[in-house]
């Protein structure tokens, strides 16, 4: 009986450790998630990085691709034979991405990396309809 309780306790501890590691991995990957925009005239206007089932993907008007970690902040864009190198600011926050794929080199900025956007409804007793106002704070 004591062995059974000990084995149960060890098994529960192992499951807890594995779950904690997966949660930490997901929260680390979460920092890459977002929309990255490129200058006018670029082959794609924007890409979106998403976290799906514990893995990063990148999508654009050209298609979607899994991202495979190659190094610190460096990922392979497997479907387009390229790489994505994420850029950080001095506080280690992701602010952009450099993409080199299929002969194209793109420099993108993470949307809202240095700004906060919020919306509120403007109502006034002298205005008959309600207006939605979007504010961007730097």
C-alpha atoms as a PDB file:
ATOM      1  CA  UNK A   1       0.000   0.000   0.000  1.00  0.00           C
ATOM      2  CA  UNK A   2       2.843   2.382   0.872  1.00  0.00           C
ATOM      3  CA  UNK A   3       4.520   1.648  -2.470  1.00  0.00           C
ATOM      4  CA  UNK A   4       1.281   2.368  -4.267  1.00  0.00           C
ATOM      5  CA  UNK A   5       0.889   5.742  -2.536  1.00  0.00           C
ATOM      6  CA  UNK A   6       4.541   6.572  -3.219  1.00  0.00           C
ATOM      7  CA  UNK A   7       4.190   5.699  -6.921  1.00  0.00           C
ATOM      8  CA  UNK A   8       0.998   7.747  -7.150  1.00  0.00           C
ATOM      9  CA  UNK A   9       2.744  10.723  -5.520  1.00  0.00           C
ATOM     10  CA  UNK A  10       5.741  10.470  -7.843  1.00  0.00           C
ATOM     11  CA  UNK A  11       3.482  10.202 -10.886  1.00  0.00           C
ATOM     12  CA  UNK A  12       1.479  13.242  -9.805  1.00  0.00           C
ATOM     13  CA  UNK A  13       4.691  15.194  -9.231  1.00  0.00           C
ATOM     14  CA  UNK A  14       5.999  14.269 -12.680  1.00  0.00           C
ATOM     15  CA  UNK A  15       2.760  15.342 -14.375  1.00  0.00           C
ATOM     16  CA  UNK A  16       2.872  18.669 -12.490  1.00  0.00           C
ATOM     17  CA  UNK A  17       6.454  19.343 -13.595  1.00  0.00           C
ATOM     18  CA  UNK A  18       5.684  18.550 -17.250  1.00  0.00           C
ATOM     19  CA  UNK A  19       2.597  20.782 -17.169  1.00  0.00           C
ATOM     20  CA  UNK A  20       4.575  23.652 -15.598  1.00  0.00           C
ATOM     21  CA  UNK A  21       7.243  23.373 -18.306  1.00  0.00           C
ATOM     22  CA  UNK A  22       4.621  23.455 -21.077  1.00  0.00           C
ATOM     23  CA  UNK A  23       2.942  26.514 -19.512  1.00  0.00           C
ATOM     24  CA  UNK A  24       6.300  28.311 -19.297  1.00  0.00           C
ATOM     25  CA  UNK A  25       7.035  27.421 -22.937  1.00  0.00           C
ATOM     26  CA  UNK A  26       3.656  28.803 -24.069  1.00  0.00           C
ATOM     27  CA  UNK A  27       4.127  32.053 -22.140  1.00  0.00           C
ATOM     28  CA  UNK A  28       7.606  32.458 -23.665  1.00  0.00           C
ATOM     29  CA  UNK A  29       6.215  31.959 -27.178  1.00  0.00           C
ATOM     30  CA  UNK A  30       3.328  34.343 -26.494  1.00  0.00           C
ATOM     31  CA  UNK A  31       5.703  37.334 -26.704  1.00  0.00           C
ATOM     32  CA  UNK A  32       6.153  36.719 -30.466  1.00  0.00           C
ATOM     33  CA  UNK A  33       2.408  36.706 -31.179  1.00  0.00           C
ATOM     34  CA  UNK A  34       1.072  39.725 -33.024  1.00  0.00           C
ATOM     35  CA  UNK A  35       0.808  41.625 -36.270  1.00  0.00           C
ATOM     36  CA  UNK A  36       3.956  42.869 -38.005  1.00  0.00           C
ATOM     37  CA  UNK A  37       3.649  45.531 -40.709  1.00  0.00           C
ATOM     38  CA  UNK A  38       6.030  46.285 -43.576  1.00  0.00           C
ATOM     39  CA  UNK A  39       6.690  49.484 -45.545  1.00  0.00           C
ATOM     40  CA  UNK A  40       4.525  50.361 -48.545  1.00  0.00           C
ATOM     41  CA  UNK A  41       5.631  48.509 -51.662  1.00  0.00           C
ATOM     42  CA  UNK A  42       6.768  45.392 -49.786  1.00  0.00           C
ATOM     43  CA  UNK A  43       5.877  42.021 -51.269  1.00  0.00           C
ATOM     44  CA  UNK A  44       3.481  41.555 -48.311  1.00  0.00           C
ATOM     45  CA  UNK A  45       1.905  44.368 -46.301  1.00  0.00           C
ATOM     46  CA  UNK A  46       1.789  42.442 -43.028  1.00  0.00           C
ATOM     47  CA  UNK A  47       2.271  39.078 -41.361  1.00  0.00           C
ATOM     48  CA  UNK A  48       0.500  37.669 -38.343  1.00  0.00           C
ATOM     49  CA  UNK A  49       2.259  35.426 -35.863  1.00  0.00           C
ATOM     50  CA  UNK A  50      -0.051  33.125 -33.896  1.00  0.00           C
ATOM     51  CA  UNK A  51       0.375  30.486 -31.210  1.00  0.00           C
ATOM     52  CA  UNK A  52      -1.608  27.373 -32.103  1.00  0.00           C
ATOM     53  CA  UNK A  53      -1.395  24.142 -30.111  1.00  0.00           C
ATOM     54  CA  UNK A  54       1.882  25.222 -28.513  1.00  0.00           C
ATOM     55  CA  UNK A  55       3.584  26.124 -31.820  1.00  0.00           C
ATOM     56  CA  UNK A  56       4.131  29.412 -33.629  1.00  0.00           C
ATOM     57  CA  UNK A  57       2.783  29.997 -37.129  1.00  0.00           C
ATOM     58  CA  UNK A  58       3.219  32.945 -39.478  1.00  0.00           C
ATOM     59  CA  UNK A  59       0.543  33.919 -41.984  1.00  0.00           C
ATOM     60  CA  UNK A  60       0.334  36.541 -44.718  1.00  0.00           C
ATOM     61  CA  UNK A  61      -1.321  37.086 -48.081  1.00  0.00           C
ATOM     62  CA  UNK A  62       1.321  34.663 -49.453  1.00  0.00           C
ATOM     63  CA  UNK A  63       0.208  31.801 -47.195  1.00  0.00           C
ATOM     64  CA  UNK A  64       0.789  30.241 -43.798  1.00  0.00           C
ATOM     65  CA  UNK A  65       3.834  28.474 -42.380  1.00  0.00           C
ATOM     66  CA  UNK A  66       4.912  26.874 -39.137  1.00  0.00           C
ATOM     67  CA  UNK A  67       7.873  28.549 -37.442  1.00  0.00           C
ATOM     68  CA  UNK A  68      10.627  26.271 -36.143  1.00  0.00           C
ATOM     69  CA  UNK A  69      13.086  27.596 -33.565  1.00  0.00           C
ATOM     70  CA  UNK A  70      16.661  27.824 -34.874  1.00  0.00           C
ATOM     71  CA  UNK A  71      18.229  30.001 -32.177  1.00  0.00           C
ATOM     72  CA  UNK A  72      17.484  32.848 -29.824  1.00  0.00           C
ATOM     73  CA  UNK A  73      14.729  34.885 -31.533  1.00  0.00           C
ATOM     74  CA  UNK A  74      15.515  33.129 -34.851  1.00  0.00           C
ATOM     75  CA  UNK A  75      12.908  30.899 -36.516  1.00  0.00           C
ATOM     76  CA  UNK A  76      12.792  28.989 -39.795  1.00  0.00           C
ATOM     77  CA  UNK A  77       9.787  29.780 -42.008  1.00  0.00           C
ATOM     78  CA  UNK A  78       9.476  26.222 -43.251  1.00  0.00           C
ATOM     79  CA  UNK A  79       6.961  26.670 -46.093  1.00  0.00           C
ATOM     80  CA  UNK A  80       8.915  29.547 -47.667  1.00  0.00           C
ATOM     81  CA  UNK A  81      12.506  28.347 -47.154  1.00  0.00           C
ATOM     82  CA  UNK A  82      13.348  31.408 -45.090  1.00  0.00           C
ATOM     83  CA  UNK A  83      14.058  32.803 -41.658  1.00  0.00           C
ATOM     84  CA  UNK A  84      12.445  35.262 -39.299  1.00  0.00           C
ATOM     85  CA  UNK A  85      14.692  37.070 -36.815  1.00  0.00           C
ATOM     86  CA  UNK A  86      12.688  38.892 -34.161  1.00  0.00           C
ATOM     87  CA  UNK A  87      14.071  42.194 -32.861  1.00  0.00           C
ATOM     88  CA  UNK A  88      13.894  43.437 -29.270  1.00  0.00           C
ATOM     89  CA  UNK A  89      14.213  46.821 -27.628  1.00  0.00           C
ATOM     90  CA  UNK A  90      16.432  47.569 -24.628  1.00  0.00           C
ATOM     91  CA  UNK A  91      13.764  46.222 -22.257  1.00  0.00           C
ATOM     92  CA  UNK A  92      13.741  42.873 -24.171  1.00  0.00           C
ATOM     93  CA  UNK A  93      10.272  43.491 -25.644  1.00  0.00           C
ATOM     94  CA  UNK A  94       9.694  42.219 -29.216  1.00  0.00           C
ATOM     95  CA  UNK A  95       9.376  45.267 -31.496  1.00  0.00           C
ATOM     96  CA  UNK A  96       9.934  43.927 -35.007  1.00  0.00           C
ATOM     97  CA  UNK A  97      11.006  41.161 -37.345  1.00  0.00           C
ATOM     98  CA  UNK A  98      13.506  40.739 -40.182  1.00  0.00           C
ATOM     99  CA  UNK A  99      12.370  38.186 -42.751  1.00  0.00           C
ATOM    100  CA  UNK A 100      14.608  36.646 -45.378  1.00  0.00           C
ATOM    101  CA  UNK A 101      12.616  34.276 -47.577  1.00  0.00           C
ATOM    102  CA  UNK A 102      12.554  33.231 -51.225  1.00  0.00           C
ATOM    103  CA  UNK A 103      14.933  36.024 -52.234  1.00  0.00           C
ATOM    104  CA  UNK A 104      13.090  38.784 -50.377  1.00  0.00           C
ATOM    105  CA  UNK A 105      14.347  40.709 -47.370  1.00  0.00           C
ATOM    106  CA  UNK A 106      11.710  42.462 -45.280  1.00  0.00           C
ATOM    107  CA  UNK A 107      11.951  44.627 -42.162  1.00  0.00           C
ATOM    108  CA  UNK A 108       8.722  44.788 -40.205  1.00  0.00           C
ATOM    109  CA  UNK A 109       7.498  46.566 -37.099  1.00  0.00           C
ATOM    110  CA  UNK A 110       5.280  44.907 -34.533  1.00  0.00           C
ATOM    111  CA  UNK A 111       1.932  46.664 -34.432  1.00  0.00           C
ATOM    112  CA  UNK A 112       1.403  48.439 -31.127  1.00  0.00           C
ATOM    113  CA  UNK A 113       4.927  47.573 -29.981  1.00  0.00           C
ATOM    114  CA  UNK A 114       5.424  51.097 -28.684  1.00  0.00           C
ATOM    115  CA  UNK A 115       1.841  52.278 -28.628  1.00  0.00           C
ATOM    116  CA  UNK A 116      -1.272  51.387 -26.759  1.00  0.00           C
ATOM    117  CA  UNK A 117      -4.578  51.595 -28.580  1.00  0.00           C
ATOM    118  CA  UNK A 118      -7.906  51.821 -26.870  1.00  0.00           C
ATOM    119  CA  UNK A 119     -11.389  52.794 -27.913  1.00  0.00           C
ATOM    120  CA  UNK A 120     -14.168  54.534 -26.085  1.00  0.00           C
ATOM    121  CA  UNK A 121     -17.608  55.833 -26.930  1.00  0.00           C
ATOM    122  CA  UNK A 122     -18.093  59.568 -26.993  1.00  0.00           C
ATOM    123  CA  UNK A 123     -21.522  60.670 -25.895  1.00  0.00           C
ATOM    124  CA  UNK A 124     -22.740  64.144 -25.378  1.00  0.00           C
ATOM    125  CA  UNK A 125     -26.213  65.367 -24.522  1.00  0.00           C
ATOM    126  CA  UNK A 126     -26.001  67.751 -27.487  1.00  0.00           C
ATOM    127  CA  UNK A 127     -25.026  65.008 -29.958  1.00  0.00           C
ATOM    128  CA  UNK A 128     -27.902  62.823 -31.088  1.00  0.00           C
ATOM    129  CA  UNK A 129     -25.801  59.766 -32.019  1.00  0.00           C
ATOM    130  CA  UNK A 130     -22.878  58.032 -30.320  1.00  0.00           C
ATOM    131  CA  UNK A 131     -19.418  58.146 -31.895  1.00  0.00           C
ATOM    132  CA  UNK A 132     -16.642  55.616 -31.495  1.00  0.00           C
ATOM    133  CA  UNK A 133     -13.268  57.233 -30.912  1.00  0.00           C
ATOM    134  CA  UNK A 134      -9.984  55.341 -31.264  1.00  0.00           C
ATOM    135  CA  UNK A 135      -6.980  56.775 -29.453  1.00  0.00           C
ATOM    136  CA  UNK A 136      -3.355  55.722 -29.835  1.00  0.00           C
ATOM    137  CA  UNK A 137      -0.967  56.612 -27.015  1.00  0.00           C
ATOM    138  CA  UNK A 138       2.802  56.532 -27.462  1.00  0.00           C
END
